[in-house]
């Protein structure tokens, strides 16, 4: 996997906390996009925030946030949170 350091400006996201391996996050992103579509909120960038260093935590114990950039005045359903992701340097992998 190739990566680079990128400087981001703060953005507003909807997020779901996921516990477990990266490969099991698709349902979180699916739920975020379904909710955004149901309220007519346009989406932007997609991010995964990693709260643990890969390789130092077991895959089933990783803490990750699935995030989709969006703004809305709607109250989110349970387990979806709205809020900012601060700016600064982030690793981007592709």
PDB file of N, CA and C in Angstrom:
ATOM      1  N   UNK A   1       0.849  -1.165   0.000  1.00  0.00           N
ATOM      2  CA  UNK A   1       0.000   0.000   0.000  1.00  0.00           C
ATOM      3  C   UNK A   1       0.897   1.232   0.000  1.00  0.00           C
ATOM      4  N   UNK A   2       0.639   2.165  -0.901  1.00  0.00           N
ATOM      5  CA  UNK A   2       1.390   3.411  -0.965  1.00  0.00           C
ATOM      6  C   UNK A   2       0.692   4.470  -0.133  1.00  0.00           C
ATOM      7  N   UNK A   3       1.451   5.392   0.404  1.00  0.00           N
ATOM      8  CA  UNK A   3       0.852   6.445   1.209  1.00  0.00           C
ATOM      9  C   UNK A   3       1.625   7.737   1.108  1.00  0.00           C
ATOM     10  N   UNK A   4       0.977   8.788   1.575  1.00  0.00           N
ATOM     11  CA  UNK A   4       1.615  10.102   1.631  1.00  0.00           C
ATOM     12  C   UNK A   4       0.962  10.896   2.758  1.00  0.00           C
ATOM     13  N   UNK A   5       1.656  11.923   3.211  1.00  0.00           N
ATOM     14  CA  UNK A   5       1.118  12.818   4.232  1.00  0.00           C
ATOM     15  C   UNK A   5       0.403  13.950   3.522  1.00  0.00           C
ATOM     16  N   UNK A   6      -0.831  14.223   3.959  1.00  0.00           N
ATOM     17  CA  UNK A   6      -1.650  15.253   3.348  1.00  0.00           C
ATOM     18  C   UNK A   6      -2.136  16.190   4.448  1.00  0.00           C
ATOM     19  N   UNK A   7      -2.201  17.483   4.183  1.00  0.00           N
ATOM     20  CA  UNK A   7      -2.733  18.453   5.130  1.00  0.00           C
ATOM     21  C   UNK A   7      -4.193  18.704   4.792  1.00  0.00           C
ATOM     22  N   UNK A   8      -5.081  18.464   5.768  1.00  0.00           N
ATOM     23  CA  UNK A   8      -6.514  18.642   5.570  1.00  0.00           C
ATOM     24  C   UNK A   8      -7.013  19.854   6.328  1.00  0.00           C
ATOM     25  N   UNK A   9      -8.001  20.533   5.747  1.00  0.00           N
ATOM     26  CA  UNK A   9      -8.713  21.566   6.492  1.00  0.00           C
ATOM     27  C   UNK A   9      -9.805  20.844   7.279  1.00  0.00           C
ATOM     28  N   UNK A  10     -10.280  21.407   8.389  1.00  0.00           N
ATOM     29  CA  UNK A  10     -11.333  20.735   9.160  1.00  0.00           C
ATOM     30  C   UNK A  10     -12.577  20.518   8.292  1.00  0.00           C
ATOM     31  N   UNK A  11     -13.203  19.356   8.450  1.00  0.00           N
ATOM     32  CA  UNK A  11     -14.427  19.053   7.717  1.00  0.00           C
ATOM     33  C   UNK A  11     -15.469  18.508   8.687  1.00  0.00           C
ATOM     34  N   UNK A  12     -16.722  18.553   8.278  1.00  0.00           N
ATOM     35  CA  UNK A  12     -17.834  18.058   9.081  1.00  0.00           C
ATOM     36  C   UNK A  12     -18.250  16.699   8.544  1.00  0.00           C
ATOM     37  N   UNK A  13     -18.388  15.710   9.422  1.00  0.00           N
ATOM     38  CA  UNK A  13     -18.679  14.348   8.979  1.00  0.00           C
ATOM     39  C   UNK A  13     -19.795  13.711   9.796  1.00  0.00           C
ATOM     40  N   UNK A  14     -20.368  12.663   9.205  1.00  0.00           N
ATOM     41  CA  UNK A  14     -21.169  11.687   9.939  1.00  0.00           C
ATOM     42  C   UNK A  14     -20.238  10.502  10.138  1.00  0.00           C
ATOM     43  N   UNK A  15     -20.278   9.901  11.325  1.00  0.00           N
ATOM     44  CA  UNK A  15     -19.340   8.811  11.621  1.00  0.00           C
ATOM     45  C   UNK A  15     -20.006   7.710  12.427  1.00  0.00           C
ATOM     46  N   UNK A  16     -19.461   6.512  12.230  1.00  0.00           N
ATOM     47  CA  UNK A  16     -19.857   5.344  13.015  1.00  0.00           C
ATOM     48  C   UNK A  16     -18.584   4.702  13.548  1.00  0.00           C
ATOM     49  N   UNK A  17     -18.540   4.434  14.842  1.00  0.00           N
ATOM     50  CA  UNK A  17     -17.402   3.744  15.446  1.00  0.00           C
ATOM     51  C   UNK A  17     -17.501   2.253  15.136  1.00  0.00           C
ATOM     52  N   UNK A  18     -16.397   1.701  14.672  1.00  0.00           N
ATOM     53  CA  UNK A  18     -16.310   0.276  14.343  1.00  0.00           C
ATOM     54  C   UNK A  18     -15.221  -0.345  15.195  1.00  0.00           C
ATOM     55  N   UNK A  19     -15.493  -1.497  15.734  1.00  0.00           N
ATOM     56  CA  UNK A  19     -14.489  -2.260  16.461  1.00  0.00           C
ATOM     57  C   UNK A  19     -14.218  -3.555  15.726  1.00  0.00           C
ATOM     58  N   UNK A  20     -13.006  -3.724  15.255  1.00  0.00           N
ATOM     59  CA  UNK A  20     -12.657  -4.940  14.540  1.00  0.00           C
ATOM     60  C   UNK A  20     -11.814  -4.653  13.323  1.00  0.00           C
ATOM     61  N   UNK A  21     -11.647  -5.652  12.456  1.00  0.00           N
ATOM     62  CA  UNK A  21     -10.758  -5.508  11.302  1.00  0.00           C
ATOM     63  C   UNK A  21     -11.278  -4.529  10.259  1.00  0.00           C
ATOM     64  N   UNK A  22     -10.323  -3.957   9.511  1.00  0.00           N
ATOM     65  CA  UNK A  22     -10.659  -3.011   8.447  1.00  0.00           C
ATOM     66  C   UNK A  22     -11.668  -3.594   7.467  1.00  0.00           C
ATOM     67  N   UNK A  23     -11.473  -4.846   7.095  1.00  0.00           N
ATOM     68  CA  UNK A  23     -12.299  -5.473   6.076  1.00  0.00           C
ATOM     69  C   UNK A  23     -13.760  -5.629   6.454  1.00  0.00           C
ATOM     70  N   UNK A  24     -14.105  -5.403   7.706  1.00  0.00           N
ATOM     71  CA  UNK A  24     -15.488  -5.557   8.156  1.00  0.00           C
ATOM     72  C   UNK A  24     -16.208  -4.221   8.283  1.00  0.00           C
ATOM     73  N   UNK A  25     -15.642  -3.152   7.708  1.00  0.00           N
ATOM     74  CA  UNK A  25     -16.222  -1.815   7.851  1.00  0.00           C
ATOM     75  C   UNK A  25     -17.284  -1.473   6.813  1.00  0.00           C
ATOM     76  N   UNK A  26     -17.402  -2.249   5.758  1.00  0.00           N
ATOM     77  CA  UNK A  26     -18.349  -1.903   4.686  1.00  0.00           C
ATOM     78  C   UNK A  26     -19.768  -1.644   5.192  1.00  0.00           C
ATOM     79  N   UNK A  27     -20.308  -2.440   6.118  1.00  0.00           N
ATOM     80  CA  UNK A  27     -21.668  -2.146   6.598  1.00  0.00           C
ATOM     81  C   UNK A  27     -21.791  -0.759   7.242  1.00  0.00           C
ATOM     82  N   UNK A  28     -20.734  -0.273   7.880  1.00  0.00           N
ATOM     83  CA  UNK A  28     -20.765   1.071   8.472  1.00  0.00           C
ATOM     84  C   UNK A  28     -20.901   2.126   7.390  1.00  0.00           C
ATOM     85  N   UNK A  29     -20.082   2.007   6.337  1.00  0.00           N
ATOM     86  CA  UNK A  29     -20.161   2.979   5.241  1.00  0.00           C
ATOM     87  C   UNK A  29     -21.504   2.874   4.520  1.00  0.00           C
ATOM     88  N   UNK A  30     -21.993   1.657   4.316  1.00  0.00           N
ATOM     89  CA  UNK A  30     -23.297   1.480   3.675  1.00  0.00           C
ATOM     90  C   UNK A  30     -24.381   2.194   4.469  1.00  0.00           C
ATOM     91  N   UNK A  31     -24.349   2.047   5.788  1.00  0.00           N
ATOM     92  CA  UNK A  31     -25.362   2.688   6.636  1.00  0.00           C
ATOM     93  C   UNK A  31     -25.266   4.214   6.560  1.00  0.00           C
ATOM     94  N   UNK A  32     -24.049   4.751   6.568  1.00  0.00           N
ATOM     95  CA  UNK A  32     -23.882   6.204   6.459  1.00  0.00           C
ATOM     96  C   UNK A  32     -24.446   6.728   5.140  1.00  0.00           C
ATOM     97  N   UNK A  33     -24.129   6.060   4.039  1.00  0.00           N
ATOM     98  CA  UNK A  33     -24.619   6.522   2.740  1.00  0.00           C
ATOM     99  C   UNK A  33     -26.132   6.362   2.611  1.00  0.00           C
ATOM    100  N   UNK A  34     -26.695   5.279   3.153  1.00  0.00           N
ATOM    101  CA  UNK A  34     -28.156   5.105   3.110  1.00  0.00           C
ATOM    102  C   UNK A  34     -28.847   6.208   3.890  1.00  0.00           C
ATOM    103  N   UNK A  35     -28.306   6.555   5.072  1.00  0.00           N
ATOM    104  CA  UNK A  35     -28.917   7.619   5.867  1.00  0.00           C
ATOM    105  C   UNK A  35     -28.814   8.960   5.145  1.00  0.00           C
ATOM    106  N   UNK A  36     -27.641   9.262   4.607  1.00  0.00           N
ATOM    107  CA  UNK A  36     -27.468  10.535   3.873  1.00  0.00           C
ATOM    108  C   UNK A  36     -28.466  10.619   2.724  1.00  0.00           C
ATOM    109  N   UNK A  37     -28.630   9.531   1.999  1.00  0.00           N
ATOM    110  CA  UNK A  37     -29.572   9.529   0.880  1.00  0.00           C
ATOM    111  C   UNK A  37     -31.003   9.723   1.377  1.00  0.00           C
ATOM    112  N   UNK A  38     -31.354   9.095   2.493  1.00  0.00           N
ATOM    113  CA  UNK A  38     -32.728   9.182   3.000  1.00  0.00           C
ATOM    114  C   UNK A  38     -33.108  10.593   3.429  1.00  0.00           C
ATOM    115  N   UNK A  39     -32.130  11.414   3.801  1.00  0.00           N
ATOM    116  CA  UNK A  39     -32.422  12.791   4.217  1.00  0.00           C
ATOM    117  C   UNK A  39     -32.041  13.801   3.138  1.00  0.00           C
ATOM    118  N   UNK A  40     -31.559  13.308   1.997  1.00  0.00           N
ATOM    119  CA  UNK A  40     -31.200  14.197   0.891  1.00  0.00           C
ATOM    120  C   UNK A  40     -29.955  15.023   1.140  1.00  0.00           C
ATOM    121  N   UNK A  41     -29.038  14.520   1.949  1.00  0.00           N
ATOM    122  CA  UNK A  41     -27.802  15.250   2.253  1.00  0.00           C
ATOM    123  C   UNK A  41     -26.705  14.830   1.277  1.00  0.00           C
ATOM    124  N   UNK A  42     -26.148  15.788   0.532  1.00  0.00           N
ATOM    125  CA  UNK A  42     -25.040  15.433  -0.358  1.00  0.00           C
ATOM    126  C   UNK A  42     -23.814  15.022   0.450  1.00  0.00           C
ATOM    127  N   UNK A  43     -23.069  14.076  -0.078  1.00  0.00           N
ATOM    128  CA  UNK A  43     -21.876  13.580   0.605  1.00  0.00           C
ATOM    129  C   UNK A  43     -20.628  14.042  -0.121  1.00  0.00           C
ATOM    130  N   UNK A  44     -19.530  14.028   0.612  1.00  0.00           N
ATOM    131  CA  UNK A  44     -18.236  14.416   0.059  1.00  0.00           C
ATOM    132  C   UNK A  44     -17.226  13.309   0.275  1.00  0.00           C
ATOM    133  N   UNK A  45     -16.105  13.689   0.838  1.00  0.00           N
ATOM    134  CA  UNK A  45     -15.006  12.735   1.040  1.00  0.00           C
ATOM    135  C   UNK A  45     -15.387  11.616   2.006  1.00  0.00           C
ATOM    136  N   UNK A  46     -14.712  10.492   1.842  1.00  0.00           N
ATOM    137  CA  UNK A  46     -14.884   9.325   2.697  1.00  0.00           C
ATOM    138  C   UNK A  46     -13.568   9.106   3.438  1.00  0.00           C
ATOM    139  N   UNK A  47     -13.653   8.934   4.752  1.00  0.00           N
ATOM    140  CA  UNK A  47     -12.454   8.765   5.558  1.00  0.00           C
ATOM    141  C   UNK A  47     -12.610   7.588   6.499  1.00  0.00           C
ATOM    142  N   UNK A  48     -11.496   6.972   6.835  1.00  0.00           N
ATOM    143  CA  UNK A  48     -11.431   6.003   7.921  1.00  0.00           C
ATOM    144  C   UNK A  48     -10.433   6.550   8.928  1.00  0.00           C
ATOM    145  N   UNK A  49     -10.897   6.811  10.137  1.00  0.00           N
ATOM    146  CA  UNK A  49     -10.017   7.285  11.198  1.00  0.00           C
ATOM    147  C   UNK A  49      -9.590   6.084  12.030  1.00  0.00           C
ATOM    148  N   UNK A  50      -8.309   5.890  12.145  1.00  0.00           N
ATOM    149  CA  UNK A  50      -7.742   4.755  12.883  1.00  0.00           C
ATOM    150  C   UNK A  50      -7.230   5.250  14.225  1.00  0.00           C
ATOM    151  N   UNK A  51      -7.707   4.656  15.295  1.00  0.00           N
ATOM    152  CA  UNK A  51      -7.320   5.079  16.628  1.00  0.00           C
ATOM    153  C   UNK A  51      -6.249   4.185  17.235  1.00  0.00           C
ATOM    154  N   UNK A  52      -5.861   3.154  16.521  1.00  0.00           N
ATOM    155  CA  UNK A  52      -4.810   2.248  16.978  1.00  0.00           C
ATOM    156  C   UNK A  52      -3.769   2.124  15.875  1.00  0.00           C
ATOM    157  N   UNK A  53      -2.553   1.816  16.252  1.00  0.00           N
ATOM    158  CA  UNK A  53      -1.484   1.627  15.274  1.00  0.00           C
ATOM    159  C   UNK A  53      -1.593   0.207  14.723  1.00  0.00           C
ATOM    160  N   UNK A  54      -1.824   0.073  13.398  1.00  0.00           N
ATOM    161  CA  UNK A  54      -1.906  -1.266  12.825  1.00  0.00           C
ATOM    162  C   UNK A  54      -0.649  -2.071  13.158  1.00  0.00           C
ATOM    163  N   UNK A  55      -0.847  -3.322  13.503  1.00  0.00           N
ATOM    164  CA  UNK A  55       0.272  -4.187  13.853  1.00  0.00           C
ATOM    165  C   UNK A  55       0.562  -4.228  15.338  1.00  0.00           C
ATOM    166  N   UNK A  56       0.090  -3.226  16.099  1.00  0.00           N
ATOM    167  CA  UNK A  56       0.312  -3.246  17.545  1.00  0.00           C
ATOM    168  C   UNK A  56      -0.933  -3.697  18.293  1.00  0.00           C
ATOM    169  N   UNK A  57      -2.086  -3.667  17.625  1.00  0.00           N
ATOM    170  CA  UNK A  57      -3.334  -4.154  18.221  1.00  0.00           C
ATOM    171  C   UNK A  57      -3.842  -5.302  17.364  1.00  0.00           C
ATOM    172  N   UNK A  58      -4.438  -6.276  18.013  1.00  0.00           N
ATOM    173  CA  UNK A  58      -5.022  -7.391  17.268  1.00  0.00           C
ATOM    174  C   UNK A  58      -6.131  -6.864  16.367  1.00  0.00           C
ATOM    175  N   UNK A  59      -6.291  -7.456  15.193  1.00  0.00           N
ATOM    176  CA  UNK A  59      -7.275  -6.989  14.210  1.00  0.00           C
ATOM    177  C   UNK A  59      -8.673  -6.904  14.803  1.00  0.00           C
ATOM    178  N   UNK A  60      -9.033  -7.837  15.665  1.00  0.00           N
ATOM    179  CA  UNK A  60     -10.383  -7.826  16.232  1.00  0.00           C
ATOM    180  C   UNK A  60     -10.556  -6.778  17.329  1.00  0.00           C
ATOM    181  N   UNK A  61      -9.480  -6.071  17.675  1.00  0.00           N
ATOM    182  CA  UNK A  61      -9.547  -5.040  18.720  1.00  0.00           C
ATOM    183  C   UNK A  61      -9.283  -3.628  18.183  1.00  0.00           C
ATOM    184  N   UNK A  62      -9.143  -3.488  16.875  1.00  0.00           N
ATOM    185  CA  UNK A  62      -8.914  -2.166  16.293  1.00  0.00           C
ATOM    186  C   UNK A  62     -10.118  -1.263  16.525  1.00  0.00           C
ATOM    187  N   UNK A  63      -9.844   0.025  16.767  1.00  0.00           N
ATOM    188  CA  UNK A  63     -10.891   1.038  16.897  1.00  0.00           C
ATOM    189  C   UNK A  63     -10.789   1.945  15.676  1.00  0.00           C
ATOM    190  N   UNK A  64     -11.872   2.007  14.912  1.00  0.00           N
ATOM    191  CA  UNK A  64     -11.891   2.759  13.660  1.00  0.00           C
ATOM    192  C   UNK A  64     -13.193   3.548  13.577  1.00  0.00           C
ATOM    193  N   UNK A  65     -13.145   4.701  12.930  1.00  0.00           N
ATOM    194  CA  UNK A  65     -14.356   5.456  12.643  1.00  0.00           C
ATOM    195  C   UNK A  65     -14.548   5.503  11.139  1.00  0.00           C
ATOM    196  N   UNK A  66     -15.704   5.020  10.678  1.00  0.00           N
ATOM    197  CA  UNK A  66     -16.099   5.178   9.282  1.00  0.00           C
ATOM    198  C   UNK A  66     -16.732   6.554   9.177  1.00  0.00           C
ATOM    199  N   UNK A  67     -16.228   7.408   8.281  1.00  0.00           N
ATOM    200  CA  UNK A  67     -16.698   8.790   8.176  1.00  0.00           C
ATOM    201  C   UNK A  67     -17.052   9.146   6.740  1.00  0.00           C
ATOM    202  N   UNK A  68     -18.137   9.908   6.608  1.00  0.00           N
ATOM    203  CA  UNK A  68     -18.537  10.459   5.318  1.00  0.00           C
ATOM    204  C   UNK A  68     -18.773  11.947   5.523  1.00  0.00           C
ATOM    205  N   UNK A  69     -18.139  12.760   4.697  1.00  0.00           N
ATOM    206  CA  UNK A  69     -18.284  14.205   4.803  1.00  0.00           C
ATOM    207  C   UNK A  69     -19.715  14.591   4.428  1.00  0.00           C
ATOM    208  N   UNK A  70     -20.401  15.296   5.338  1.00  0.00           N
ATOM    209  CA  UNK A  70     -21.727  15.835   5.043  1.00  0.00           C
ATOM    210  C   UNK A  70     -22.128  16.828   6.106  1.00  0.00           C
ATOM    211  N   UNK A  71     -23.065  17.667   5.751  1.00  0.00           N
ATOM    212  CA  UNK A  71     -23.654  18.622   6.693  1.00  0.00           C
ATOM    213  C   UNK A  71     -25.158  18.474   6.625  1.00  0.00           C
ATOM    214  N   UNK A  72     -25.778  18.479   7.791  1.00  0.00           N
ATOM    215  CA  UNK A  72     -27.225  18.396   7.859  1.00  0.00           C
ATOM    216  C   UNK A  72     -27.696  18.951   9.189  1.00  0.00           C
ATOM    217  N   UNK A  73     -28.924  19.417   9.204  1.00  0.00           N
ATOM    218  CA  UNK A  73     -29.553  19.845  10.447  1.00  0.00           C
ATOM    219  C   UNK A  73     -30.386  18.730  11.063  1.00  0.00           C
ATOM    220  N   UNK A  74     -30.432  17.590  10.387  1.00  0.00           N
ATOM    221  CA  UNK A  74     -31.195  16.432  10.869  1.00  0.00           C
ATOM    222  C   UNK A  74     -30.486  15.772  12.048  1.00  0.00           C
ATOM    223  N   UNK A  75     -31.274  15.235  12.961  1.00  0.00           N
ATOM    224  CA  UNK A  75     -30.703  14.439  14.047  1.00  0.00           C
ATOM    225  C   UNK A  75     -30.354  13.060  13.505  1.00  0.00           C
ATOM    226  N   UNK A  76     -29.161  12.569  13.793  1.00  0.00           N
ATOM    227  CA  UNK A  76     -28.779  11.252  13.281  1.00  0.00           C
ATOM    228  C   UNK A  76     -29.447  10.127  14.066  1.00  0.00           C
ATOM    229  N   UNK A  77     -29.601   8.972  13.427  1.00  0.00           N
ATOM    230  CA  UNK A  77     -30.126   7.813  14.149  1.00  0.00           C
ATOM    231  C   UNK A  77     -29.074   7.273  15.123  1.00  0.00           C
ATOM    232  N   UNK A  78     -29.472   6.347  15.993  1.00  0.00           N
ATOM    233  CA  UNK A  78     -28.523   5.780  16.963  1.00  0.00           C
ATOM    234  C   UNK A  78     -27.271   5.219  16.280  1.00  0.00           C
ATOM    235  N   UNK A  79     -26.161   5.427  16.907  1.00  0.00           N
ATOM    236  CA  UNK A  79     -24.808   4.992  16.538  1.00  0.00           C
ATOM    237  C   UNK A  79     -24.174   5.821  15.430  1.00  0.00           C
ATOM    238  N   UNK A  80     -24.888   6.785  14.858  1.00  0.00           N
ATOM    239  CA  UNK A  80     -24.273   7.722  13.916  1.00  0.00           C
ATOM    240  C   UNK A  80     -24.082   9.043  14.653  1.00  0.00           C
ATOM    241  N   UNK A  81     -22.879   9.572  14.599  1.00  0.00           N
ATOM    242  CA  UNK A  81     -22.568  10.854  15.238  1.00  0.00           C
ATOM    243  C   UNK A  81     -22.207  11.871  14.172  1.00  0.00           C
ATOM    244  N   UNK A  82     -22.546  13.124  14.431  1.00  0.00           N
ATOM    245  CA  UNK A  82     -22.160  14.230  13.553  1.00  0.00           C
ATOM    246  C   UNK A  82     -21.143  15.084  14.272  1.00  0.00           C
ATOM    247  N   UNK A  83     -20.157  15.587  13.536  1.00  0.00           N
ATOM    248  CA  UNK A  83     -19.185  16.465  14.152  1.00  0.00           C
ATOM    249  C   UNK A  83     -18.004  16.720  13.249  1.00  0.00           C
ATOM    250  N   UNK A  84     -17.111  17.572  13.711  1.00  0.00           N
ATOM    251  CA  UNK A  84     -15.951  17.913  12.899  1.00  0.00           C
ATOM    252  C   UNK A  84     -14.840  16.882  13.013  1.00  0.00           C
ATOM    253  N   UNK A  85     -14.062  16.807  11.975  1.00  0.00           N
ATOM    254  CA  UNK A  85     -12.771  16.114  12.012  1.00  0.00           C
ATOM    255  C   UNK A  85     -11.762  17.225  11.838  1.00  0.00           C
ATOM    256  N   UNK A  86     -10.930  17.395  12.851  1.00  0.00           N
ATOM    257  CA  UNK A  86      -9.969  18.492  12.839  1.00  0.00           C
ATOM    258  C   UNK A  86      -8.996  18.436  11.684  1.00  0.00           C
ATOM    259  N   UNK A  87      -8.512  19.574  11.323  1.00  0.00           N
ATOM    260  CA  UNK A  87      -7.539  19.649  10.253  1.00  0.00           C
ATOM    261  C   UNK A  87      -6.157  19.225  10.736  1.00  0.00           C
ATOM    262  N   UNK A  88      -5.222  19.279   9.839  1.00  0.00           N
ATOM    263  CA  UNK A  88      -3.858  18.927  10.177  1.00  0.00           C
ATOM    264  C   UNK A  88      -3.332  17.858   9.250  1.00  0.00           C
ATOM    265  N   UNK A  89      -2.198  17.329   9.616  1.00  0.00           N
ATOM    266  CA  UNK A  89      -1.556  16.313   8.764  1.00  0.00           C
ATOM    267  C   UNK A  89      -2.163  14.948   9.032  1.00  0.00           C
ATOM    268  N   UNK A  90      -2.469  14.244   7.951  1.00  0.00           N
ATOM    269  CA  UNK A  90      -3.023  12.898   7.993  1.00  0.00           C
ATOM    270  C   UNK A  90      -2.316  12.040   6.972  1.00  0.00           C
ATOM    271  N   UNK A  91      -2.218  10.762   7.238  1.00  0.00           N
ATOM    272  CA  UNK A  91      -1.682   9.834   6.251  1.00  0.00           C
ATOM    273  C   UNK A  91      -2.796   9.429   5.302  1.00  0.00           C
ATOM    274  N   UNK A  92      -2.508   9.447   4.031  1.00  0.00           N
ATOM    275  CA  UNK A  92      -3.466   9.018   3.014  1.00  0.00           C
ATOM    276  C   UNK A  92      -2.869   7.822   2.302  1.00  0.00           C
ATOM    277  N   UNK A  93      -3.621   6.719   2.266  1.00  0.00           N
ATOM    278  CA  UNK A  93      -3.150   5.503   1.623  1.00  0.00           C
ATOM    279  C   UNK A  93      -4.009   5.198   0.406  1.00  0.00           C
ATOM    280  N   UNK A  94      -3.376   4.697  -0.628  1.00  0.00           N
ATOM    281  CA  UNK A  94      -4.093   4.370  -1.860  1.00  0.00           C
ATOM    282  C   UNK A  94      -3.450   3.191  -2.516  1.00  0.00           C
TER     283      UNK A  94
END
